[in-house]
Amino acid sequence: MDTYLWLKALHVISMIAWMAGLMYLPRLFVYHAGEQAGSKTAATFEIMERRLLMIIMTPAMIFTWIFGFILAAKIHAFAQPWFHVKLTLVIALTIFHFVLASWRKKLATGQNTKSERFFRLVNEVPTVLMIIIVILVIVKPF
C-alpha cells in the first residue's frame, strides 16, 4: 500500500473537518451575538460552540498539521516556493482558530464586544484563505 496516498487522504479529511468548523463557528457567533447573555438560546449556542471547537475543530487542526508536515517532508515541499506561501496561510488559519476560541470564551462569559455584522465579515476569512491554499497546492503557480 502506498503510505503517501493514505497520508494525503487523512490530511484532506482532517483539513475538510477543520475548514468546516472554521466556516461554521463564526456563523454561530453571528446568531449568538444577537442573543441576550444568559438566555436559554445563548446557553445552547455556548454548548454548540464549545463542542464544535473542542471535539471537532481542534483535533482536526492537530491532525491536519501532523499529516501535512509528514507529507511536506515526504515530497520535499520545504524547498518549493509555493509551499512557503501555503504554510504562511495555514499559520494564519491556525491563528484565526485561536482567535475564534478567544471570542467563544468572551461570548460564553457575556464579555463579547463584537457585533453580528463583525462576525458576518469575519466568516469570510477562512473561505478566502482556503481558496488561495487550494490553488497553491493544485496549481503550484511558482
N, C-alpha and C. Protein backbone atom coordinates (compact mmCIF):
# COMPACT_ATOMS: atom_id res chain seq x y z
N MET A 1 0.84 -1.19 0.00
CA MET A 1 0.00 0.00 0.00
C MET A 1 0.88 1.24 0.00
N ASP A 2 0.44 2.24 -0.71
CA ASP A 2 1.18 3.47 -0.81
C ASP A 2 0.85 4.38 0.38
N THR A 3 1.78 4.50 1.31
CA THR A 3 1.53 5.31 2.50
C THR A 3 1.31 6.78 2.15
N TYR A 4 1.94 7.24 1.08
CA TYR A 4 1.75 8.64 0.67
C TYR A 4 0.28 8.94 0.40
N LEU A 5 -0.40 8.06 -0.32
CA LEU A 5 -1.81 8.27 -0.63
C LEU A 5 -2.67 8.22 0.63
N TRP A 6 -2.35 7.32 1.55
CA TRP A 6 -3.10 7.27 2.81
C TRP A 6 -2.88 8.54 3.62
N LEU A 7 -1.64 9.01 3.69
CA LEU A 7 -1.36 10.25 4.40
C LEU A 7 -2.09 11.44 3.77
N LYS A 8 -2.08 11.45 2.45
CA LYS A 8 -2.77 12.53 1.73
C LYS A 8 -4.27 12.49 2.02
N ALA A 9 -4.86 11.30 1.98
CA ALA A 9 -6.29 11.16 2.27
C ALA A 9 -6.60 11.63 3.69
N LEU A 10 -5.80 11.22 4.66
CA LEU A 10 -6.02 11.63 6.05
C LEU A 10 -5.82 13.13 6.23
N HIS A 11 -4.87 13.70 5.51
CA HIS A 11 -4.65 15.14 5.56
C HIS A 11 -5.87 15.88 5.01
N VAL A 12 -6.38 15.43 3.87
CA VAL A 12 -7.54 16.09 3.26
C VAL A 12 -8.78 15.93 4.14
N ILE A 13 -8.99 14.77 4.71
CA ILE A 13 -10.14 14.56 5.60
C ILE A 13 -10.04 15.48 6.82
N SER A 14 -8.88 15.55 7.42
CA SER A 14 -8.68 16.42 8.58
C SER A 14 -8.90 17.88 8.20
N MET A 15 -8.36 18.27 7.05
CA MET A 15 -8.48 19.65 6.60
C MET A 15 -9.93 20.01 6.32
N ILE A 16 -10.69 19.11 5.73
CA ILE A 16 -12.11 19.38 5.47
C ILE A 16 -12.86 19.58 6.78
N ALA A 17 -12.61 18.73 7.76
CA ALA A 17 -13.29 18.86 9.06
C ALA A 17 -12.91 20.18 9.73
N TRP A 18 -11.64 20.54 9.68
CA TRP A 18 -11.17 21.79 10.29
C TRP A 18 -11.80 23.00 9.58
N MET A 19 -11.76 22.98 8.25
CA MET A 19 -12.32 24.11 7.49
C MET A 19 -13.82 24.25 7.72
N ALA A 20 -14.52 23.13 7.80
CA ALA A 20 -15.96 23.19 8.07
C ALA A 20 -16.21 23.92 9.38
N GLY A 21 -15.42 23.60 10.39
CA GLY A 21 -15.55 24.27 11.68
C GLY A 21 -15.18 25.74 11.62
N LEU A 22 -14.09 26.04 10.90
CA LEU A 22 -13.66 27.44 10.77
C LEU A 22 -14.70 28.29 10.05
N MET A 23 -15.49 27.66 9.19
CA MET A 23 -16.54 28.40 8.48
C MET A 23 -17.84 28.45 9.28
N TYR A 24 -18.09 27.42 10.09
CA TYR A 24 -19.35 27.34 10.81
C TYR A 24 -19.33 28.10 12.15
N LEU A 25 -18.21 28.06 12.86
CA LEU A 25 -18.16 28.69 14.18
C LEU A 25 -18.45 30.19 14.12
N PRO A 26 -17.86 30.95 13.19
CA PRO A 26 -18.23 32.38 13.12
C PRO A 26 -19.70 32.59 12.79
N ARG A 27 -20.30 31.67 12.03
CA ARG A 27 -21.73 31.77 11.73
C ARG A 27 -22.55 31.59 13.01
N LEU A 28 -22.13 30.66 13.85
CA LEU A 28 -22.79 30.51 15.15
C LEU A 28 -22.65 31.80 15.97
N PHE A 29 -21.48 32.42 15.89
CA PHE A 29 -21.24 33.68 16.61
C PHE A 29 -22.20 34.77 16.15
N VAL A 30 -22.52 34.79 14.85
CA VAL A 30 -23.46 35.78 14.32
C VAL A 30 -24.77 35.70 15.08
N TYR A 31 -25.28 34.49 15.21
CA TYR A 31 -26.56 34.29 15.89
C TYR A 31 -26.44 34.47 17.40
N HIS A 32 -25.33 34.00 17.96
CA HIS A 32 -25.11 34.10 19.39
C HIS A 32 -25.00 35.57 19.82
N ALA A 33 -24.32 36.39 19.03
CA ALA A 33 -24.13 37.81 19.37
C ALA A 33 -25.46 38.54 19.42
N GLY A 34 -26.46 38.04 18.73
CA GLY A 34 -27.78 38.67 18.73
C GLY A 34 -28.66 38.26 19.90
N GLU A 35 -28.17 37.35 20.72
CA GLU A 35 -28.96 36.85 21.86
C GLU A 35 -28.56 37.57 23.15
N GLN A 36 -29.49 37.64 24.06
CA GLN A 36 -29.24 38.20 25.39
C GLN A 36 -28.34 37.25 26.17
N ALA A 37 -27.24 37.78 26.73
CA ALA A 37 -26.34 36.95 27.54
C ALA A 37 -27.13 36.31 28.68
N GLY A 38 -26.89 35.02 28.89
CA GLY A 38 -27.58 34.30 29.96
C GLY A 38 -28.91 33.69 29.57
N SER A 39 -29.38 33.99 28.36
CA SER A 39 -30.65 33.42 27.92
C SER A 39 -30.49 31.93 27.60
N LYS A 40 -31.60 31.26 27.49
CA LYS A 40 -31.59 29.83 27.17
C LYS A 40 -30.96 29.60 25.79
N THR A 41 -31.30 30.46 24.85
CA THR A 41 -30.75 30.32 23.49
C THR A 41 -29.25 30.56 23.50
N ALA A 42 -28.80 31.57 24.24
CA ALA A 42 -27.36 31.83 24.35
C ALA A 42 -26.64 30.63 24.95
N ALA A 43 -27.25 30.01 25.94
CA ALA A 43 -26.66 28.82 26.57
C ALA A 43 -26.54 27.67 25.57
N THR A 44 -27.53 27.53 24.71
CA THR A 44 -27.48 26.50 23.67
C THR A 44 -26.33 26.78 22.70
N PHE A 45 -26.18 28.04 22.29
CA PHE A 45 -25.07 28.39 21.40
C PHE A 45 -23.73 28.12 22.07
N GLU A 46 -23.63 28.41 23.35
CA GLU A 46 -22.37 28.18 24.08
C GLU A 46 -21.98 26.71 24.04
N ILE A 47 -22.95 25.83 24.24
CA ILE A 47 -22.69 24.39 24.18
C ILE A 47 -22.26 23.98 22.77
N MET A 48 -23.00 24.45 21.77
CA MET A 48 -22.69 24.10 20.38
C MET A 48 -21.29 24.58 20.01
N GLU A 49 -20.97 25.82 20.37
CA GLU A 49 -19.67 26.41 20.02
C GLU A 49 -18.53 25.67 20.70
N ARG A 50 -18.70 25.38 21.99
CA ARG A 50 -17.64 24.68 22.74
C ARG A 50 -17.40 23.29 22.16
N ARG A 51 -18.48 22.57 21.90
CA ARG A 51 -18.32 21.21 21.37
C ARG A 51 -17.70 21.23 19.97
N LEU A 52 -18.14 22.14 19.14
CA LEU A 52 -17.57 22.25 17.80
C LEU A 52 -16.07 22.51 17.88
N LEU A 53 -15.69 23.45 18.72
CA LEU A 53 -14.28 23.82 18.84
C LEU A 53 -13.45 22.69 19.44
N MET A 54 -13.91 22.12 20.53
CA MET A 54 -13.10 21.15 21.28
C MET A 54 -13.15 19.73 20.72
N ILE A 55 -14.29 19.33 20.19
CA ILE A 55 -14.44 17.94 19.76
C ILE A 55 -14.12 17.75 18.27
N ILE A 56 -14.38 18.77 17.47
CA ILE A 56 -14.17 18.63 16.03
C ILE A 56 -12.98 19.47 15.55
N MET A 57 -13.05 20.77 15.76
CA MET A 57 -12.08 21.67 15.15
C MET A 57 -10.65 21.48 15.65
N THR A 58 -10.46 21.47 16.95
CA THR A 58 -9.09 21.38 17.46
C THR A 58 -8.42 20.06 17.11
N PRO A 59 -9.08 18.91 17.31
CA PRO A 59 -8.43 17.67 16.85
C PRO A 59 -8.17 17.67 15.34
N ALA A 60 -9.12 18.19 14.55
CA ALA A 60 -8.92 18.24 13.09
C ALA A 60 -7.73 19.12 12.73
N MET A 61 -7.58 20.25 13.43
CA MET A 61 -6.44 21.13 13.18
C MET A 61 -5.13 20.39 13.49
N ILE A 62 -5.08 19.71 14.62
CA ILE A 62 -3.87 18.99 15.01
C ILE A 62 -3.53 17.92 13.98
N PHE A 63 -4.52 17.14 13.55
CA PHE A 63 -4.27 16.10 12.56
C PHE A 63 -3.90 16.70 11.20
N THR A 64 -4.49 17.82 10.85
CA THR A 64 -4.11 18.50 9.60
C THR A 64 -2.63 18.85 9.63
N TRP A 65 -2.18 19.41 10.73
CA TRP A 65 -0.76 19.77 10.87
C TRP A 65 0.14 18.53 10.85
N ILE A 66 -0.23 17.50 11.57
CA ILE A 66 0.60 16.29 11.63
C ILE A 66 0.74 15.66 10.25
N PHE A 67 -0.41 15.38 9.61
CA PHE A 67 -0.35 14.73 8.29
C PHE A 67 0.28 15.65 7.25
N GLY A 68 0.01 16.95 7.34
CA GLY A 68 0.59 17.90 6.40
C GLY A 68 2.10 17.98 6.53
N PHE A 69 2.59 17.98 7.74
CA PHE A 69 4.04 18.04 7.96
C PHE A 69 4.72 16.79 7.41
N ILE A 70 4.13 15.63 7.67
CA ILE A 70 4.69 14.37 7.17
C ILE A 70 4.69 14.38 5.64
N LEU A 71 3.58 14.81 5.04
CA LEU A 71 3.50 14.87 3.57
C LEU A 71 4.54 15.84 3.01
N ALA A 72 4.66 17.00 3.63
CA ALA A 72 5.62 18.00 3.15
C ALA A 72 7.04 17.44 3.17
N ALA A 73 7.37 16.73 4.23
CA ALA A 73 8.70 16.12 4.32
C ALA A 73 8.87 15.05 3.25
N LYS A 74 7.82 14.27 3.03
CA LYS A 74 7.87 13.17 2.06
C LYS A 74 8.09 13.67 0.62
N ILE A 75 7.49 14.80 0.27
CA ILE A 75 7.62 15.31 -1.11
C ILE A 75 8.65 16.44 -1.21
N HIS A 76 9.37 16.69 -0.14
CA HIS A 76 10.41 17.74 -0.10
C HIS A 76 9.82 19.11 -0.43
N ALA A 77 8.65 19.38 0.11
CA ALA A 77 7.94 20.63 -0.17
C ALA A 77 8.64 21.85 0.43
N PHE A 78 9.44 21.64 1.47
CA PHE A 78 10.08 22.77 2.13
C PHE A 78 11.04 23.52 1.19
N ALA A 79 11.42 22.89 0.09
CA ALA A 79 12.31 23.52 -0.88
C ALA A 79 11.54 24.23 -1.99
N GLN A 80 10.21 24.18 -1.96
CA GLN A 80 9.40 24.73 -3.04
C GLN A 80 8.76 26.06 -2.60
N PRO A 81 8.87 27.11 -3.42
CA PRO A 81 8.34 28.43 -3.04
C PRO A 81 6.84 28.45 -2.74
N TRP A 82 6.04 27.73 -3.53
CA TRP A 82 4.60 27.74 -3.29
C TRP A 82 4.27 27.24 -1.90
N PHE A 83 5.08 26.29 -1.40
CA PHE A 83 4.80 25.71 -0.10
C PHE A 83 4.99 26.73 1.03
N HIS A 84 5.94 27.63 0.88
CA HIS A 84 6.17 28.64 1.91
C HIS A 84 4.98 29.59 2.04
N VAL A 85 4.38 29.91 0.91
CA VAL A 85 3.17 30.75 0.94
C VAL A 85 2.03 29.97 1.57
N LYS A 86 1.88 28.72 1.16
CA LYS A 86 0.83 27.87 1.74
C LYS A 86 1.00 27.75 3.24
N LEU A 87 2.22 27.47 3.68
CA LEU A 87 2.49 27.32 5.10
C LEU A 87 2.16 28.60 5.87
N THR A 88 2.49 29.74 5.30
CA THR A 88 2.16 31.02 5.93
C THR A 88 0.65 31.17 6.09
N LEU A 89 -0.10 30.79 5.06
CA LEU A 89 -1.56 30.89 5.13
C LEU A 89 -2.16 29.88 6.12
N VAL A 90 -1.57 28.71 6.23
CA VAL A 90 -2.04 27.72 7.21
C VAL A 90 -1.74 28.22 8.63
N ILE A 91 -0.61 28.88 8.80
CA ILE A 91 -0.32 29.50 10.09
C ILE A 91 -1.36 30.57 10.39
N ALA A 92 -1.74 31.36 9.38
CA ALA A 92 -2.79 32.37 9.56
C ALA A 92 -4.11 31.71 9.96
N LEU A 93 -4.46 30.58 9.35
CA LEU A 93 -5.68 29.85 9.72
C LEU A 93 -5.59 29.35 11.17
N THR A 94 -4.42 28.92 11.56
CA THR A 94 -4.22 28.44 12.93
C THR A 94 -4.40 29.58 13.93
N ILE A 95 -3.84 30.74 13.61
CA ILE A 95 -4.02 31.91 14.47
C ILE A 95 -5.50 32.27 14.53
N PHE A 96 -6.18 32.24 13.37
CA PHE A 96 -7.61 32.51 13.31
C PHE A 96 -8.38 31.54 14.21
N HIS A 97 -7.98 30.28 14.20
CA HIS A 97 -8.60 29.26 15.05
C HIS A 97 -8.54 29.69 16.52
N PHE A 98 -7.37 30.13 16.96
CA PHE A 98 -7.21 30.52 18.37
C PHE A 98 -7.92 31.84 18.68
N VAL A 99 -8.02 32.72 17.70
CA VAL A 99 -8.80 33.95 17.89
C VAL A 99 -10.27 33.59 18.06
N LEU A 100 -10.76 32.67 17.23
CA LEU A 100 -12.15 32.20 17.38
C LEU A 100 -12.37 31.62 18.78
N ALA A 101 -11.39 30.87 19.27
CA ALA A 101 -11.51 30.29 20.61
C ALA A 101 -11.63 31.38 21.67
N SER A 102 -10.88 32.46 21.51
CA SER A 102 -10.96 33.55 22.49
C SER A 102 -12.30 34.28 22.39
N TRP A 103 -12.81 34.47 21.18
CA TRP A 103 -14.13 35.09 21.01
C TRP A 103 -15.22 34.20 21.60
N ARG A 104 -15.07 32.88 21.47
CA ARG A 104 -16.04 31.95 22.04
C ARG A 104 -16.11 32.12 23.55
N LYS A 105 -14.95 32.25 24.17
CA LYS A 105 -14.92 32.43 25.63
C LYS A 105 -15.60 33.74 26.03
N LYS A 106 -15.36 34.79 25.26
CA LYS A 106 -15.99 36.08 25.57
C LYS A 106 -17.51 36.01 25.41
N LEU A 107 -17.96 35.34 24.38
CA LEU A 107 -19.40 35.16 24.20
C LEU A 107 -19.99 34.35 25.36
N ALA A 108 -19.28 33.32 25.78
CA ALA A 108 -19.77 32.45 26.85
C ALA A 108 -19.81 33.15 28.20
N THR A 109 -18.94 34.12 28.40
CA THR A 109 -18.89 34.82 29.70
C THR A 109 -19.60 36.15 29.67
N GLY A 110 -20.27 36.46 28.54
CA GLY A 110 -21.01 37.71 28.45
C GLY A 110 -20.13 38.93 28.25
N GLN A 111 -18.89 38.73 27.80
CA GLN A 111 -17.95 39.83 27.61
C GLN A 111 -17.75 40.19 26.14
N ASN A 112 -18.61 39.70 25.28
CA ASN A 112 -18.48 39.97 23.85
C ASN A 112 -18.70 41.45 23.54
N THR A 113 -17.82 42.02 22.72
CA THR A 113 -17.97 43.41 22.28
C THR A 113 -18.16 43.49 20.77
N LYS A 114 -18.18 42.34 20.11
CA LYS A 114 -18.29 42.29 18.65
C LYS A 114 -19.75 42.20 18.22
N SER A 115 -20.04 42.81 17.07
CA SER A 115 -21.41 42.82 16.55
C SER A 115 -21.68 41.62 15.65
N GLU A 116 -22.94 41.41 15.35
CA GLU A 116 -23.32 40.37 14.40
C GLU A 116 -22.67 40.65 13.05
N ARG A 117 -22.66 41.91 12.65
CA ARG A 117 -22.05 42.31 11.36
C ARG A 117 -20.56 41.96 11.33
N PHE A 118 -19.86 42.22 12.43
CA PHE A 118 -18.45 41.89 12.52
C PHE A 118 -18.24 40.40 12.26
N PHE A 119 -19.04 39.56 12.93
CA PHE A 119 -18.90 38.12 12.76
C PHE A 119 -19.28 37.68 11.35
N ARG A 120 -20.22 38.37 10.71
CA ARG A 120 -20.57 38.06 9.31
C ARG A 120 -19.36 38.30 8.40
N LEU A 121 -18.66 39.39 8.62
CA LEU A 121 -17.48 39.71 7.81
C LEU A 121 -16.34 38.72 8.09
N VAL A 122 -16.10 38.44 9.36
CA VAL A 122 -15.04 37.52 9.76
C VAL A 122 -15.29 36.13 9.20
N ASN A 123 -16.54 35.79 9.01
CA ASN A 123 -16.92 34.48 8.50
C ASN A 123 -16.31 34.20 7.11
N GLU A 124 -15.93 35.25 6.40
CA GLU A 124 -15.38 35.08 5.05
C GLU A 124 -13.88 34.77 5.05
N VAL A 125 -13.19 35.06 6.14
CA VAL A 125 -11.74 34.88 6.20
C VAL A 125 -11.29 33.46 5.86
N PRO A 126 -11.83 32.42 6.50
CA PRO A 126 -11.34 31.08 6.17
C PRO A 126 -11.63 30.67 4.74
N THR A 127 -12.72 31.14 4.18
CA THR A 127 -13.05 30.79 2.79
C THR A 127 -12.01 31.36 1.83
N VAL A 128 -11.67 32.61 2.02
CA VAL A 128 -10.67 33.25 1.15
C VAL A 128 -9.32 32.55 1.27
N LEU A 129 -8.90 32.29 2.51
CA LEU A 129 -7.61 31.61 2.71
C LEU A 129 -7.63 30.21 2.12
N MET A 130 -8.73 29.49 2.28
CA MET A 130 -8.84 28.15 1.73
C MET A 130 -8.72 28.15 0.21
N ILE A 131 -9.36 29.10 -0.44
CA ILE A 131 -9.29 29.18 -1.91
C ILE A 131 -7.85 29.37 -2.36
N ILE A 132 -7.15 30.27 -1.71
CA ILE A 132 -5.76 30.54 -2.08
C ILE A 132 -4.90 29.30 -1.81
N ILE A 133 -5.10 28.65 -0.68
CA ILE A 133 -4.31 27.46 -0.33
C ILE A 133 -4.54 26.34 -1.35
N VAL A 134 -5.79 26.10 -1.71
CA VAL A 134 -6.08 25.03 -2.68
C VAL A 134 -5.44 25.34 -4.02
N ILE A 135 -5.50 26.58 -4.46
CA ILE A 135 -4.85 26.96 -5.73
C ILE A 135 -3.35 26.74 -5.64
N LEU A 136 -2.74 27.12 -4.52
CA LEU A 136 -1.30 26.92 -4.36
C LEU A 136 -0.93 25.44 -4.43
N VAL A 137 -1.72 24.59 -3.79
CA VAL A 137 -1.41 23.16 -3.74
C VAL A 137 -1.65 22.47 -5.09
N ILE A 138 -2.74 22.82 -5.75
CA ILE A 138 -3.08 22.16 -7.01
C ILE A 138 -2.31 22.73 -8.19
N VAL A 139 -2.27 24.05 -8.30
CA VAL A 139 -1.66 24.70 -9.47
C VAL A 139 -0.16 24.87 -9.30
N LYS A 140 0.29 25.07 -8.05
CA LYS A 140 1.72 25.34 -7.77
C LYS A 140 2.24 26.43 -8.72
N PRO A 141 1.68 27.66 -8.60
CA PRO A 141 1.98 28.72 -9.57
C PRO A 141 3.43 29.20 -9.59
N PHE A 142 4.20 28.86 -8.58
CA PHE A 142 5.62 29.26 -8.57
C PHE A 142 6.42 28.29 -7.73
